[in-house]
Amino acid sequence: MVESRLNDAGDSWITDGQYLTALGPSMLESADTIIWLELPWRVIFWRTFTRAVARTRDRRLICGENVET
């Protein structure tokens, strides 16, 4: 499905790293620019931690019917 969407987009599309494993070769062949964000560990940890705390506090649904505990 993602590959067909890329084909339908023509020359104008943007995607993020979550599709790289599944579409790696075909996506990389058609890309003209790749931007790799390598954030420091402390930034990744802080964002993950604060997101988990917020989800635990307000019992927001994630991944179907699951909630953060």
N, C-alpha and C. Protein backbone atom coordinates (compact mmCIF):
# COMPACT_ATOMS: atom_id res chain seq x y z
N MET A 1 0.82 -1.19 0.00
CA MET A 1 0.00 0.00 0.00
C MET A 1 0.86 1.26 0.00
N VAL A 2 1.89 1.29 0.83
CA VAL A 2 2.75 2.48 0.89
C VAL A 2 3.46 2.67 -0.44
N GLU A 3 3.93 1.58 -1.01
CA GLU A 3 4.63 1.70 -2.29
C GLU A 3 3.72 2.25 -3.38
N SER A 4 2.47 1.85 -3.40
CA SER A 4 1.54 2.38 -4.40
C SER A 4 1.29 3.87 -4.16
N ARG A 5 1.25 4.28 -2.89
CA ARG A 5 1.08 5.70 -2.59
C ARG A 5 2.29 6.51 -3.06
N LEU A 6 3.49 5.95 -2.88
CA LEU A 6 4.69 6.63 -3.37
C LEU A 6 4.64 6.77 -4.88
N ASN A 7 4.20 5.72 -5.56
CA ASN A 7 4.09 5.77 -7.02
C ASN A 7 3.06 6.81 -7.46
N ASP A 8 1.94 6.89 -6.74
CA ASP A 8 0.90 7.86 -7.08
C ASP A 8 1.33 9.30 -6.82
N ALA A 9 2.27 9.50 -5.89
CA ALA A 9 2.71 10.85 -5.53
C ALA A 9 3.59 11.49 -6.58
N GLY A 10 4.10 10.69 -7.48
CA GLY A 10 4.98 11.25 -8.51
C GLY A 10 6.32 11.64 -7.93
N ASP A 11 6.74 12.88 -8.23
CA ASP A 11 8.05 13.35 -7.77
C ASP A 11 8.00 14.07 -6.43
N SER A 12 6.84 14.22 -5.84
CA SER A 12 6.72 14.99 -4.60
C SER A 12 6.19 14.13 -3.47
N TRP A 13 7.07 13.68 -2.60
CA TRP A 13 6.64 12.90 -1.44
C TRP A 13 7.66 13.02 -0.33
N ILE A 14 7.18 12.82 0.89
CA ILE A 14 8.01 12.83 2.09
C ILE A 14 7.57 11.63 2.92
N THR A 15 8.52 10.91 3.48
CA THR A 15 8.21 9.81 4.38
C THR A 15 9.19 9.84 5.53
N ASP A 16 8.91 9.07 6.56
CA ASP A 16 9.85 9.02 7.68
C ASP A 16 10.40 7.61 7.81
N GLY A 17 11.28 7.41 8.78
CA GLY A 17 12.03 6.17 8.92
C GLY A 17 11.24 4.92 9.18
N GLN A 18 9.99 5.02 9.57
CA GLN A 18 9.25 3.81 9.89
C GLN A 18 9.05 2.90 8.68
N TYR A 19 9.14 3.44 7.49
CA TYR A 19 8.95 2.62 6.29
C TYR A 19 10.26 2.15 5.69
N LEU A 20 11.37 2.57 6.24
CA LEU A 20 12.66 2.26 5.63
C LEU A 20 12.93 0.77 5.55
N THR A 21 12.57 0.01 6.57
CA THR A 21 12.81 -1.42 6.57
C THR A 21 12.01 -2.12 5.48
N ALA A 22 10.74 -1.78 5.39
CA ALA A 22 9.86 -2.45 4.43
C ALA A 22 10.12 -2.00 2.99
N LEU A 23 10.44 -0.74 2.79
CA LEU A 23 10.56 -0.20 1.44
C LEU A 23 11.97 0.21 1.07
N GLY A 24 12.91 -0.05 1.93
CA GLY A 24 14.28 0.42 1.78
C GLY A 24 14.79 0.62 0.38
N PRO A 25 15.01 -0.46 -0.38
CA PRO A 25 15.62 -0.29 -1.70
C PRO A 25 14.79 0.56 -2.65
N SER A 26 13.50 0.31 -2.77
CA SER A 26 12.70 1.07 -3.74
C SER A 26 12.56 2.53 -3.33
N MET A 27 12.44 2.77 -2.02
CA MET A 27 12.31 4.14 -1.56
C MET A 27 13.62 4.89 -1.73
N LEU A 28 14.72 4.26 -1.38
CA LEU A 28 16.02 4.94 -1.50
C LEU A 28 16.39 5.23 -2.94
N GLU A 29 16.00 4.34 -3.85
CA GLU A 29 16.30 4.56 -5.27
C GLU A 29 15.57 5.78 -5.82
N SER A 30 14.38 6.04 -5.33
CA SER A 30 13.61 7.15 -5.88
C SER A 30 13.77 8.45 -5.09
N ALA A 31 14.48 8.42 -3.98
CA ALA A 31 14.69 9.63 -3.18
C ALA A 31 15.81 10.47 -3.77
N ASP A 32 15.64 11.79 -3.72
CA ASP A 32 16.74 12.65 -4.14
C ASP A 32 17.42 13.33 -2.95
N THR A 33 16.77 13.30 -1.80
CA THR A 33 17.35 13.87 -0.58
C THR A 33 16.97 13.00 0.60
N ILE A 34 17.94 12.74 1.46
CA ILE A 34 17.69 11.98 2.69
C ILE A 34 18.19 12.83 3.86
N ILE A 35 17.33 13.00 4.85
CA ILE A 35 17.71 13.74 6.06
C ILE A 35 17.68 12.76 7.21
N TRP A 36 18.80 12.58 7.86
CA TRP A 36 18.93 11.63 8.96
C TRP A 36 19.04 12.41 10.25
N LEU A 37 18.06 12.26 11.14
CA LEU A 37 18.10 12.93 12.44
C LEU A 37 18.66 11.97 13.47
N GLU A 38 19.77 12.32 14.03
CA GLU A 38 20.37 11.51 15.07
C GLU A 38 20.40 12.34 16.35
N LEU A 39 19.28 12.25 17.07
CA LEU A 39 19.14 13.05 18.29
C LEU A 39 19.96 12.46 19.42
N PRO A 40 20.41 13.30 20.33
CA PRO A 40 21.15 12.79 21.49
C PRO A 40 20.26 11.90 22.35
N TRP A 41 20.88 10.94 23.02
CA TRP A 41 20.16 10.00 23.86
C TRP A 41 19.30 10.71 24.89
N ARG A 42 19.82 11.77 25.49
CA ARG A 42 19.08 12.48 26.54
C ARG A 42 17.79 13.09 25.99
N VAL A 43 17.79 13.55 24.75
CA VAL A 43 16.58 14.11 24.14
C VAL A 43 15.55 13.01 23.91
N ILE A 44 15.99 11.89 23.35
CA ILE A 44 15.09 10.76 23.10
C ILE A 44 14.51 10.24 24.41
N PHE A 45 15.37 10.06 25.40
CA PHE A 45 14.91 9.56 26.69
C PHE A 45 13.90 10.51 27.31
N TRP A 46 14.18 11.82 27.34
CA TRP A 46 13.29 12.79 27.97
C TRP A 46 11.93 12.81 27.28
N ARG A 47 11.91 12.79 25.94
CA ARG A 47 10.64 12.81 25.22
C ARG A 47 9.84 11.54 25.46
N THR A 48 10.50 10.40 25.48
CA THR A 48 9.83 9.13 25.75
C THR A 48 9.29 9.10 27.17
N PHE A 49 10.08 9.55 28.11
CA PHE A 49 9.67 9.56 29.51
C PHE A 49 8.47 10.47 29.74
N THR A 50 8.53 11.70 29.22
CA THR A 50 7.42 12.63 29.45
C THR A 50 6.15 12.16 28.74
N ARG A 51 6.28 11.56 27.57
CA ARG A 51 5.12 11.03 26.87
C ARG A 51 4.49 9.89 27.66
N ALA A 52 5.31 8.98 28.22
CA ALA A 52 4.80 7.86 29.01
C ALA A 52 4.11 8.35 30.27
N VAL A 53 4.68 9.34 30.94
CA VAL A 53 4.07 9.87 32.16
C VAL A 53 2.72 10.51 31.83
N ALA A 54 2.66 11.29 30.76
CA ALA A 54 1.40 11.94 30.36
C ALA A 54 0.34 10.89 30.03
N ARG A 55 0.72 9.85 29.30
CA ARG A 55 -0.23 8.79 28.95
C ARG A 55 -0.69 8.02 30.18
N THR A 56 0.19 7.83 31.14
CA THR A 56 -0.18 7.14 32.37
C THR A 56 -1.17 7.98 33.17
N ARG A 57 -0.92 9.27 33.22
CA ARG A 57 -1.76 10.18 33.99
C ARG A 57 -3.18 10.27 33.43
N ASP A 58 -3.31 10.41 32.11
CA ASP A 58 -4.66 10.61 31.56
C ASP A 58 -5.27 9.35 30.94
N ARG A 59 -4.57 8.20 31.06
CA ARG A 59 -5.09 6.90 30.63
C ARG A 59 -5.51 6.90 29.16
N ARG A 60 -4.76 7.60 28.34
CA ARG A 60 -5.01 7.67 26.91
C ARG A 60 -4.81 6.30 26.27
N LEU A 61 -5.70 5.95 25.34
CA LEU A 61 -5.57 4.68 24.62
C LEU A 61 -4.39 4.75 23.66
N ILE A 62 -3.59 3.68 23.64
CA ILE A 62 -2.50 3.54 22.70
C ILE A 62 -2.51 2.13 22.16
N CYS A 63 -2.13 1.93 20.94
CA CYS A 63 -2.03 0.60 20.35
C CYS A 63 -3.31 -0.20 20.55
N GLY A 64 -4.40 0.28 20.02
CA GLY A 64 -5.67 -0.41 20.17
C GLY A 64 -6.35 -0.05 21.47
N GLU A 65 -6.61 -1.04 22.29
CA GLU A 65 -7.30 -0.84 23.56
C GLU A 65 -6.36 -0.76 24.76
N ASN A 66 -5.08 -0.68 24.53
CA ASN A 66 -4.11 -0.66 25.62
C ASN A 66 -3.94 0.75 26.19
N VAL A 67 -3.59 0.81 27.47
CA VAL A 67 -3.26 2.08 28.11
C VAL A 67 -1.88 1.94 28.75
N GLU A 68 -1.21 3.07 28.88
CA GLU A 68 0.11 3.10 29.52
C GLU A 68 -0.05 2.81 31.02
N THR A 69 0.83 1.98 31.58
CA THR A 69 0.77 1.69 33.01
C THR A 69 2.06 2.10 33.70
